[in-house]
All heavy atoms as atom14 arrays in JSON, in Angstrom:
{
  "sequence": "CAASGSIVSIDAMGWYRQASGKQRESVAVITSIGLTMYADSVK",
  "atom14_mask": [
    [1, 1, 1, 1, 1, 1, 0, 0, 0, 0, 0, 0, 0, 0],
    [1, 1, 1, 1, 1, 0, 0, 0, 0, 0, 0, 0, 0, 0],
    [1, 1, 1, 1, 1, 0, 0, 0, 0, 0, 0, 0, 0, 0],
    [1, 1, 1, 1, 1, 1, 0, 0, 0, 0, 0, 0, 0, 0],
    [1, 1, 1, 1, 0, 0, 0, 0, 0, 0, 0, 0, 0, 0],
    [1, 1, 1, 1, 1, 1, 0, 0, 0, 0, 0, 0, 0, 0],
    [1, 1, 1, 1, 1, 1, 1, 1, 0, 0, 0, 0, 0, 0],
    [1, 1, 1, 1, 1, 1, 1, 0, 0, 0, 0, 0, 0, 0],
    [1, 1, 1, 1, 1, 1, 0, 0, 0, 0, 0, 0, 0, 0],
    [1, 1, 1, 1, 1, 1, 1, 1, 0, 0, 0, 0, 0, 0],
    [1, 1, 1, 1, 1, 1, 1, 1, 0, 0, 0, 0, 0, 0],
    [1, 1, 1, 1, 1, 0, 0, 0, 0, 0, 0, 0, 0, 0],
    [1, 1, 1, 1, 1, 1, 1, 1, 0, 0, 0, 0, 0, 0],
    [1, 1, 1, 1, 0, 0, 0, 0, 0, 0, 0, 0, 0, 0],
    [1, 1, 1, 1, 1, 1, 1, 1, 1, 1, 1, 1, 1, 1],
    [1, 1, 1, 1, 1, 1, 1, 1, 1, 1, 1, 1, 0, 0],
    [1, 1, 1, 1, 1, 1, 1, 1, 1, 1, 1, 0, 0, 0],
    [1, 1, 1, 1, 1, 1, 1, 1, 1, 0, 0, 0, 0, 0],
    [1, 1, 1, 1, 1, 0, 0, 0, 0, 0, 0, 0, 0, 0],
    [1, 1, 1, 1, 1, 1, 0, 0, 0, 0, 0, 0, 0, 0],
    [1, 1, 1, 1, 0, 0, 0, 0, 0, 0, 0, 0, 0, 0],
    [1, 1, 1, 1, 1, 1, 1, 1, 1, 0, 0, 0, 0, 0],
    [1, 1, 1, 1, 1, 1, 1, 1, 1, 0, 0, 0, 0, 0],
    [1, 1, 1, 1, 1, 1, 1, 1, 1, 1, 1, 0, 0, 0],
    [1, 1, 1, 1, 1, 1, 1, 1, 1, 0, 0, 0, 0, 0],
    [1, 1, 1, 1, 1, 1, 0, 0, 0, 0, 0, 0, 0, 0],
    [1, 1, 1, 1, 1, 1, 1, 0, 0, 0, 0, 0, 0, 0],
    [1, 1, 1, 1, 1, 0, 0, 0, 0, 0, 0, 0, 0, 0],
    [1, 1, 1, 1, 1, 1, 1, 0, 0, 0, 0, 0, 0, 0],
    [1, 1, 1, 1, 1, 1, 1, 1, 0, 0, 0, 0, 0, 0],
    [1, 1, 1, 1, 1, 1, 1, 0, 0, 0, 0, 0, 0, 0],
    [1, 1, 1, 1, 1, 1, 0, 0, 0, 0, 0, 0, 0, 0],
    [1, 1, 1, 1, 1, 1, 1, 1, 0, 0, 0, 0, 0, 0],
    [1, 1, 1, 1, 0, 0, 0, 0, 0, 0, 0, 0, 0, 0],
    [1, 1, 1, 1, 1, 1, 1, 1, 0, 0, 0, 0, 0, 0],
    [1, 1, 1, 1, 1, 1, 1, 0, 0, 0, 0, 0, 0, 0],
    [1, 1, 1, 1, 1, 1, 1, 1, 0, 0, 0, 0, 0, 0],
    [1, 1, 1, 1, 1, 1, 1, 1, 1, 1, 1, 1, 0, 0],
    [1, 1, 1, 1, 1, 0, 0, 0, 0, 0, 0, 0, 0, 0],
    [1, 1, 1, 1, 1, 1, 1, 1, 0, 0, 0, 0, 0, 0],
    [1, 1, 1, 1, 1, 1, 0, 0, 0, 0, 0, 0, 0, 0],
    [1, 1, 1, 1, 1, 1, 1, 0, 0, 0, 0, 0, 0, 0],
    [1, 1, 1, 1, 1, 1, 1, 1, 1, 0, 0, 0, 0, 0]
  ],
  "atom14_positions": [
    [[5.07, -4.96, 7.66], [4.46, -3.75, 8.27], [3.49, -4.25, 9.33], [2.45, -4.85, 8.99], [3.76, -2.95, 7.23], [2.8, -1.55, 7.93], [0.0, 0.0, 0.0], [0.0, 0.0, 0.0], [0.0, 0.0, 0.0], [0.0, 0.0, 0.0], [0.0, 0.0, 0.0], [0.0, 0.0, 0.0], [0.0, 0.0, 0.0], [0.0, 0.0, 0.0]],
    [[3.81, -4.07, 10.6], [2.97, -4.49, 11.73], [2.06, -3.36, 12.07], [2.52, -2.24, 12.38], [3.81, -4.94, 12.89], [0.0, 0.0, 0.0], [0.0, 0.0, 0.0], [0.0, 0.0, 0.0], [0.0, 0.0, 0.0], [0.0, 0.0, 0.0], [0.0, 0.0, 0.0], [0.0, 0.0, 0.0], [0.0, 0.0, 0.0], [0.0, 0.0, 0.0]],
    [[0.75, -3.61, 12.18], [-0.25, -2.62, 12.47], [-0.73, -2.81, 13.92], [-0.96, -3.94, 14.33], [-1.41, -2.62, 11.48], [0.0, 0.0, 0.0], [0.0, 0.0, 0.0], [0.0, 0.0, 0.0], [0.0, 0.0, 0.0], [0.0, 0.0, 0.0], [0.0, 0.0, 0.0], [0.0, 0.0, 0.0], [0.0, 0.0, 0.0], [0.0, 0.0, 0.0]],
    [[-1.04, -1.75, 14.58], [-1.62, -1.84, 15.93], [-2.61, -0.68, 16.07], [-2.57, 0.27, 15.31], [-0.56, -1.82, 17.03], [0.18, -0.57, 16.98], [0.0, 0.0, 0.0], [0.0, 0.0, 0.0], [0.0, 0.0, 0.0], [0.0, 0.0, 0.0], [0.0, 0.0, 0.0], [0.0, 0.0, 0.0], [0.0, 0.0, 0.0], [0.0, 0.0, 0.0]],
    [[-3.49, -0.77, 17.1], [-4.47, 0.24, 17.3], [-5.83, -0.2, 16.75], [-6.27, -1.35, 16.98], [0.0, 0.0, 0.0], [0.0, 0.0, 0.0], [0.0, 0.0, 0.0], [0.0, 0.0, 0.0], [0.0, 0.0, 0.0], [0.0, 0.0, 0.0], [0.0, 0.0, 0.0], [0.0, 0.0, 0.0], [0.0, 0.0, 0.0], [0.0, 0.0, 0.0]],
    [[-6.55, 0.72, 16.2], [-7.92, 0.5, 15.71], [-7.89, -0.24, 14.37], [-8.22, 0.36, 13.28], [-8.71, 1.78, 15.64], [-10.06, 1.54, 15.33], [0.0, 0.0, 0.0], [0.0, 0.0, 0.0], [0.0, 0.0, 0.0], [0.0, 0.0, 0.0], [0.0, 0.0, 0.0], [0.0, 0.0, 0.0], [0.0, 0.0, 0.0], [0.0, 0.0, 0.0]],
    [[-7.52, -1.51, 14.39], [-7.33, -2.26, 13.16], [-8.66, -2.38, 12.34], [-8.57, -2.3, 11.07], [-6.81, -3.69, 13.44], [-5.52, -3.59, 14.31], [-6.56, -4.43, 12.18], [-4.44, -2.87, 13.62], [0.0, 0.0, 0.0], [0.0, 0.0, 0.0], [0.0, 0.0, 0.0], [0.0, 0.0, 0.0], [0.0, 0.0, 0.0], [0.0, 0.0, 0.0]],
    [[-9.72, -2.49, 12.96], [-11.01, -2.7, 12.24], [-11.42, -1.47, 11.41], [-12.29, -1.57, 10.55], [-12.19, -3.11, 13.2], [-11.84, -4.48, 13.82], [-12.37, -2.07, 14.26], [0.0, 0.0, 0.0], [0.0, 0.0, 0.0], [0.0, 0.0, 0.0], [0.0, 0.0, 0.0], [0.0, 0.0, 0.0], [0.0, 0.0, 0.0], [0.0, 0.0, 0.0]],
    [[-10.79, -0.32, 11.66], [-11.11, 0.88, 10.95], [-10.37, 1.02, 9.63], [-10.59, 1.93, 8.85], [-10.84, 2.11, 11.82], [-9.41, 2.34, 11.94], [0.0, 0.0, 0.0], [0.0, 0.0, 0.0], [0.0, 0.0, 0.0], [0.0, 0.0, 0.0], [0.0, 0.0, 0.0], [0.0, 0.0, 0.0], [0.0, 0.0, 0.0], [0.0, 0.0, 0.0]],
    [[-9.46, 0.1, 9.33], [-8.64, 0.16, 8.13], [-9.45, -0.35, 6.92], [-9.95, -1.47, 6.92], [-7.35, -0.72, 8.32], [-6.55, -0.1, 9.44], [-6.58, -0.7, 6.94], [-5.28, -0.93, 9.74], [0.0, 0.0, 0.0], [0.0, 0.0, 0.0], [0.0, 0.0, 0.0], [0.0, 0.0, 0.0], [0.0, 0.0, 0.0], [0.0, 0.0, 0.0]],
    [[-9.53, 0.44, 5.88], [-10.17, 0.06, 4.62], [-9.18, -0.57, 3.67], [-9.5, -1.44, 2.88], [-10.86, 1.19, 3.95], [-12.08, 1.73, 4.75], [-12.76, 0.85, 5.29], [-12.3, 2.94, 4.72], [0.0, 0.0, 0.0], [0.0, 0.0, 0.0], [0.0, 0.0, 0.0], [0.0, 0.0, 0.0], [0.0, 0.0, 0.0], [0.0, 0.0, 0.0]],
    [[-7.93, -0.1, 3.72], [-6.93, -0.6, 2.8], [-5.57, -0.3, 3.32], [-5.36, 0.66, 4.12], [-7.06, 0.0, 1.39], [0.0, 0.0, 0.0], [0.0, 0.0, 0.0], [0.0, 0.0, 0.0], [0.0, 0.0, 0.0], [0.0, 0.0, 0.0], [0.0, 0.0, 0.0], [0.0, 0.0, 0.0], [0.0, 0.0, 0.0], [0.0, 0.0, 0.0]],
    [[-4.56, -1.17, 2.94], [-3.2, -0.91, 3.3], [-2.35, -1.02, 2.01], [-2.79, -1.7, 1.1], [-2.68, -1.86, 4.33], [-3.4, -1.76, 5.7], [-2.66, -2.88, 6.95], [-1.09, -2.09, 7.24], [0.0, 0.0, 0.0], [0.0, 0.0, 0.0], [0.0, 0.0, 0.0], [0.0, 0.0, 0.0], [0.0, 0.0, 0.0], [0.0, 0.0, 0.0]],
    [[-1.2, -0.36, 2.04], [-0.4, -0.47, 0.82], [1.02, -0.09, 1.07], [1.36, 0.41, 2.18], [0.0, 0.0, 0.0], [0.0, 0.0, 0.0], [0.0, 0.0, 0.0], [0.0, 0.0, 0.0], [0.0, 0.0, 0.0], [0.0, 0.0, 0.0], [0.0, 0.0, 0.0], [0.0, 0.0, 0.0], [0.0, 0.0, 0.0], [0.0, 0.0, 0.0]],
    [[1.81, -0.29, 0.09], [3.23, 0.05, 0.07], [3.47, 1.15, -1.0], [2.98, 1.08, -2.09], [4.14, -1.13, -0.27], [4.14, -2.2, 0.82], [3.4, -3.31, 0.89], [4.92, -2.17, 2.0], [3.67, -4.01, 2.07], [4.66, -3.36, 2.74], [5.93, -1.3, 2.53], [5.28, -3.64, 3.94], [6.54, -1.58, 3.69], [6.23, -2.77, 4.45]],
    [[4.17, 2.18, -0.54], [4.65, 3.25, -1.43], [6.16, 3.32, -1.41], [6.82, 2.79, -0.47], [4.09, 4.61, -0.95], [2.62, 4.84, -1.25], [1.66, 4.04, -0.56], [2.16, 5.77, -2.14], [0.3, 4.29, -0.82], [0.84, 6.0, -2.35], [-0.11, 5.24, -1.72], [-1.47, 5.46, -1.93], [0.0, 0.0, 0.0], [0.0, 0.0, 0.0]],
    [[6.72, 3.9, -2.41], [8.16, 4.11, -2.41], [8.52, 5.47, -2.96], [7.78, 6.07, -3.73], [8.89, 3.0, -3.22], [8.64, 3.05, -4.67], [9.24, 1.8, -5.38], [9.03, 1.81, -6.78], [9.33, 0.82, -7.59], [9.87, -0.29, -7.07], [9.17, 0.86, -8.92], [0.0, 0.0, 0.0], [0.0, 0.0, 0.0], [0.0, 0.0, 0.0]],
    [[9.67, 5.97, -2.48], [10.12, 7.32, -2.95], [11.62, 7.17, -3.18], [12.42, 7.05, -2.27], [9.84, 8.35, -1.91], [10.18, 9.77, -2.37], [9.54, 10.82, -1.45], [9.2, 10.59, -0.37], [9.36, 12.02, -2.08], [0.0, 0.0, 0.0], [0.0, 0.0, 0.0], [0.0, 0.0, 0.0], [0.0, 0.0, 0.0], [0.0, 0.0, 0.0]],
    [[11.99, 7.24, -4.45], [13.39, 7.26, -4.82], [13.9, 8.69, -4.65], [13.2, 9.65, -4.71], [13.57, 6.81, -6.23], [0.0, 0.0, 0.0], [0.0, 0.0, 0.0], [0.0, 0.0, 0.0], [0.0, 0.0, 0.0], [0.0, 0.0, 0.0], [0.0, 0.0, 0.0], [0.0, 0.0, 0.0], [0.0, 0.0, 0.0], [0.0, 0.0, 0.0]],
    [[15.22, 8.81, -4.49], [15.88, 10.11, -4.29], [15.51, 11.07, -5.45], [15.65, 10.72, -6.63], [17.31, 9.93, -4.23], [17.97, 11.24, -3.99], [0.0, 0.0, 0.0], [0.0, 0.0, 0.0], [0.0, 0.0, 0.0], [0.0, 0.0, 0.0], [0.0, 0.0, 0.0], [0.0, 0.0, 0.0], [0.0, 0.0, 0.0], [0.0, 0.0, 0.0]],
    [[14.91, 12.21, -5.11], [14.61, 13.24, -6.1], [13.34, 13.01, -6.87], [13.06, 13.7, -7.78], [0.0, 0.0, 0.0], [0.0, 0.0, 0.0], [0.0, 0.0, 0.0], [0.0, 0.0, 0.0], [0.0, 0.0, 0.0], [0.0, 0.0, 0.0], [0.0, 0.0, 0.0], [0.0, 0.0, 0.0], [0.0, 0.0, 0.0], [0.0, 0.0, 0.0]],
    [[12.58, 11.99, -6.46], [11.31, 11.63, -7.19], [10.15, 11.72, -6.24], [10.24, 11.71, -5.06], [11.45, 10.23, -7.86], [12.64, 10.05, -8.77], [12.54, 8.84, -9.66], [11.46, 9.06, -10.72], [11.49, 7.92, -11.7], [0.0, 0.0, 0.0], [0.0, 0.0, 0.0], [0.0, 0.0, 0.0], [0.0, 0.0, 0.0], [0.0, 0.0, 0.0]],
    [[8.96, 11.68, -6.89], [7.69, 11.72, -6.1], [7.46, 10.32, -5.49], [7.91, 9.29, -6.03], [6.55, 12.07, -7.06], [6.56, 13.46, -7.62], [6.06, 14.49, -6.65], [5.43, 14.2, -5.64], [6.42, 15.74, -6.88], [0.0, 0.0, 0.0], [0.0, 0.0, 0.0], [0.0, 0.0, 0.0], [0.0, 0.0, 0.0], [0.0, 0.0, 0.0]],
    [[6.77, 10.35, -4.39], [6.33, 9.07, -3.77], [5.31, 8.46, -4.65], [4.39, 9.12, -5.16], [5.81, 9.36, -2.41], [5.51, 8.06, -1.58], [5.12, 8.38, -0.15], [6.18, 9.09, 0.58], [6.14, 9.33, 1.89], [5.06, 8.94, 2.58], [7.12, 9.99, 2.46], [0.0, 0.0, 0.0], [0.0, 0.0, 0.0], [0.0, 0.0, 0.0]],
    [[5.43, 7.17, -4.89], [4.48, 6.46, -5.78], [3.95, 5.16, -5.11], [4.66, 4.57, -4.29], [5.19, 6.08, -7.1], [6.34, 5.11, -6.93], [6.98, 4.73, -8.21], [6.45, 5.09, -9.3], [8.03, 4.01, -8.22], [0.0, 0.0, 0.0], [0.0, 0.0, 0.0], [0.0, 0.0, 0.0], [0.0, 0.0, 0.0], [0.0, 0.0, 0.0]],
    [[2.7, 4.87, -5.51], [2.13, 3.62, -5.01], [2.76, 2.44, -5.65], [2.97, 2.42, -6.83], [0.61, 3.63, -5.33], [0.01, 2.44, -4.89], [0.0, 0.0, 0.0], [0.0, 0.0, 0.0], [0.0, 0.0, 0.0], [0.0, 0.0, 0.0], [0.0, 0.0, 0.0], [0.0, 0.0, 0.0], [0.0, 0.0, 0.0], [0.0, 0.0, 0.0]],
    [[3.05, 1.4, -4.83], [3.62, 0.12, -5.33], [2.59, -0.97, -5.34], [2.42, -1.65, -6.36], [4.82, -0.27, -4.46], [5.37, -1.6, -4.85], [5.9, 0.78, -4.5], [0.0, 0.0, 0.0], [0.0, 0.0, 0.0], [0.0, 0.0, 0.0], [0.0, 0.0, 0.0], [0.0, 0.0, 0.0], [0.0, 0.0, 0.0], [0.0, 0.0, 0.0]],
    [[1.85, -1.16, -4.25], [0.88, -2.23, -4.17], [-0.11, -1.87, -3.11], [0.21, -1.21, -2.09], [1.55, -3.59, -3.88], [0.0, 0.0, 0.0], [0.0, 0.0, 0.0], [0.0, 0.0, 0.0], [0.0, 0.0, 0.0], [0.0, 0.0, 0.0], [0.0, 0.0, 0.0], [0.0, 0.0, 0.0], [0.0, 0.0, 0.0], [0.0, 0.0, 0.0]],
    [[-1.35, -2.3, -3.24], [-2.46, -2.05, -2.31], [-3.2, -3.33, -2.04], [-3.4, -4.14, -2.96], [-3.4, -0.97, -2.87], [-4.62, -0.83, -1.93], [-2.66, 0.35, -2.96], [0.0, 0.0, 0.0], [0.0, 0.0, 0.0], [0.0, 0.0, 0.0], [0.0, 0.0, 0.0], [0.0, 0.0, 0.0], [0.0, 0.0, 0.0], [0.0, 0.0, 0.0]],
    [[-3.66, -3.56, -0.79], [-4.53, -4.63, -0.46], [-5.66, -4.07, 0.42], [-5.44, -3.32, 1.3], [-3.79, -5.79, 0.26], [-4.74, -6.94, 0.5], [-3.22, -5.34, 1.55], [-4.04, -8.25, 0.82], [0.0, 0.0, 0.0], [0.0, 0.0, 0.0], [0.0, 0.0, 0.0], [0.0, 0.0, 0.0], [0.0, 0.0, 0.0], [0.0, 0.0, 0.0]],
    [[-6.92, -4.42, 0.02], [-8.07, -3.84, 0.72], [-8.52, -4.76, 1.86], [-7.95, -5.9, 2.0], [-9.29, -3.69, -0.25], [-9.82, -5.01, -0.55], [-8.88, -3.0, -1.51], [0.0, 0.0, 0.0], [0.0, 0.0, 0.0], [0.0, 0.0, 0.0], [0.0, 0.0, 0.0], [0.0, 0.0, 0.0], [0.0, 0.0, 0.0], [0.0, 0.0, 0.0]],
    [[-9.4, -4.34, 2.66], [-9.89, -5.07, 3.77], [-10.55, -6.43, 3.43], [-10.64, -7.29, 4.21], [-10.84, -4.26, 4.6], [-11.99, -3.88, 3.9], [0.0, 0.0, 0.0], [0.0, 0.0, 0.0], [0.0, 0.0, 0.0], [0.0, 0.0, 0.0], [0.0, 0.0, 0.0], [0.0, 0.0, 0.0], [0.0, 0.0, 0.0], [0.0, 0.0, 0.0]],
    [[-10.99, -6.52, 2.11], [-11.59, -7.76, 1.69], [-10.67, -8.58, 0.82], [-11.09, -9.55, 0.15], [-12.98, -7.55, 0.93], [-12.8, -6.65, -0.28], [-13.98, -6.95, 1.93], [-14.05, -6.62, -1.13], [0.0, 0.0, 0.0], [0.0, 0.0, 0.0], [0.0, 0.0, 0.0], [0.0, 0.0, 0.0], [0.0, 0.0, 0.0], [0.0, 0.0, 0.0]],
    [[-9.41, -8.17, 0.73], [-8.38, -8.96, 0.09], [-8.09, -8.61, -1.38], [-7.32, -9.34, -2.01], [0.0, 0.0, 0.0], [0.0, 0.0, 0.0], [0.0, 0.0, 0.0], [0.0, 0.0, 0.0], [0.0, 0.0, 0.0], [0.0, 0.0, 0.0], [0.0, 0.0, 0.0], [0.0, 0.0, 0.0], [0.0, 0.0, 0.0], [0.0, 0.0, 0.0]],
    [[-8.74, -7.62, -1.93], [-8.47, -7.24, -3.32], [-7.03, -6.61, -3.35], [-6.69, -5.85, -2.45], [-9.44, -6.22, -3.83], [-10.96, -6.77, -3.94], [-11.8, -5.61, -4.37], [-11.0, -7.94, -4.91], [0.0, 0.0, 0.0], [0.0, 0.0, 0.0], [0.0, 0.0, 0.0], [0.0, 0.0, 0.0], [0.0, 0.0, 0.0], [0.0, 0.0, 0.0]],
    [[-6.33, -6.87, -4.45], [-4.91, -6.36, -4.57], [-4.77, -5.6, -5.87], [-5.44, -5.95, -6.87], [-3.93, -7.55, -4.47], [-4.19, -8.46, -5.51], [-3.91, -8.22, -3.08], [0.0, 0.0, 0.0], [0.0, 0.0, 0.0], [0.0, 0.0, 0.0], [0.0, 0.0, 0.0], [0.0, 0.0, 0.0], [0.0, 0.0, 0.0], [0.0, 0.0, 0.0]],
    [[-3.86, -4.68, -5.83], [-3.56, -3.83, -7.0], [-2.08, -3.57, -7.0], [-1.47, -3.4, -5.89], [-4.31, -2.58, -7.02], [-5.82, -2.72, -7.19], [-6.75, -1.18, -6.96], [-6.82, -1.14, -5.15], [0.0, 0.0, 0.0], [0.0, 0.0, 0.0], [0.0, 0.0, 0.0], [0.0, 0.0, 0.0], [0.0, 0.0, 0.0], [0.0, 0.0, 0.0]],
    [[-1.44, -3.54, -8.17], [-0.07, -3.33, -8.28], [0.29, -2.27, -9.29], [-0.4, -2.13, -10.33], [0.71, -4.63, -8.72], [0.57, -5.76, -7.69], [-0.51, -6.65, -7.83], [1.52, -5.9, -6.64], [-0.6, -7.7, -6.91], [1.37, -6.93, -5.77], [0.35, -7.82, -5.84], [0.26, -8.87, -4.95], [0.0, 0.0, 0.0], [0.0, 0.0, 0.0]],
    [[1.33, -1.49, -9.11], [1.92, -0.67, -10.11], [2.45, -1.51, -11.24], [2.96, -2.61, -11.06], [3.07, 0.21, -9.53], [0.0, 0.0, 0.0], [0.0, 0.0, 0.0], [0.0, 0.0, 0.0], [0.0, 0.0, 0.0], [0.0, 0.0, 0.0], [0.0, 0.0, 0.0], [0.0, 0.0, 0.0], [0.0, 0.0, 0.0], [0.0, 0.0, 0.0]],
    [[2.34, -0.96, -12.52], [2.78, -1.72, -13.64], [4.26, -2.1, -13.55], [4.65, -3.2, -13.99], [2.53, -0.89, -14.88], [1.13, -0.78, -15.31], [0.3, -1.63, -14.86], [0.78, 0.12, -16.09], [0.0, 0.0, 0.0], [0.0, 0.0, 0.0], [0.0, 0.0, 0.0], [0.0, 0.0, 0.0], [0.0, 0.0, 0.0], [0.0, 0.0, 0.0]],
    [[5.03, -1.29, -12.89], [6.46, -1.54, -12.81], [6.88, -2.66, -11.95], [7.99, -3.2, -12.08], [7.21, -0.25, -12.27], [6.7, 0.12, -11.01], [0.0, 0.0, 0.0], [0.0, 0.0, 0.0], [0.0, 0.0, 0.0], [0.0, 0.0, 0.0], [0.0, 0.0, 0.0], [0.0, 0.0, 0.0], [0.0, 0.0, 0.0], [0.0, 0.0, 0.0]],
    [[5.92, -3.17, -11.13], [6.26, -4.31, -10.23], [5.4, -5.53, -10.47], [5.65, -6.54, -9.83], [6.16, -3.91, -8.75], [7.0, -2.62, -8.45], [4.73, -3.64, -8.31], [0.0, 0.0, 0.0], [0.0, 0.0, 0.0], [0.0, 0.0, 0.0], [0.0, 0.0, 0.0], [0.0, 0.0, 0.0], [0.0, 0.0, 0.0], [0.0, 0.0, 0.0]],
    [[4.44, -5.47, -11.36], [3.61, -6.62, -11.69], [4.42, -7.84, -12.03], [5.32, -7.7, -12.89], [2.56, -6.29, -12.7], [1.45, -5.39, -12.26], [0.47, -5.04, -13.42], [-0.62, -4.16, -12.96], [-1.56, -3.78, -14.03], [0.0, 0.0, 0.0], [0.0, 0.0, 0.0], [0.0, 0.0, 0.0], [0.0, 0.0, 0.0], [0.0, 0.0, 0.0]]
  ]
}
């Protein structure tokens, strides 16, 4: 995922996924200081 624009304004970035017929769910997150979090299903 390539980001452009006002990069310094980003507090966190992450990946979400949406399977057919299901709700969009969080997969993984990384904050501006490098903290990471993962969904249990992908840990």
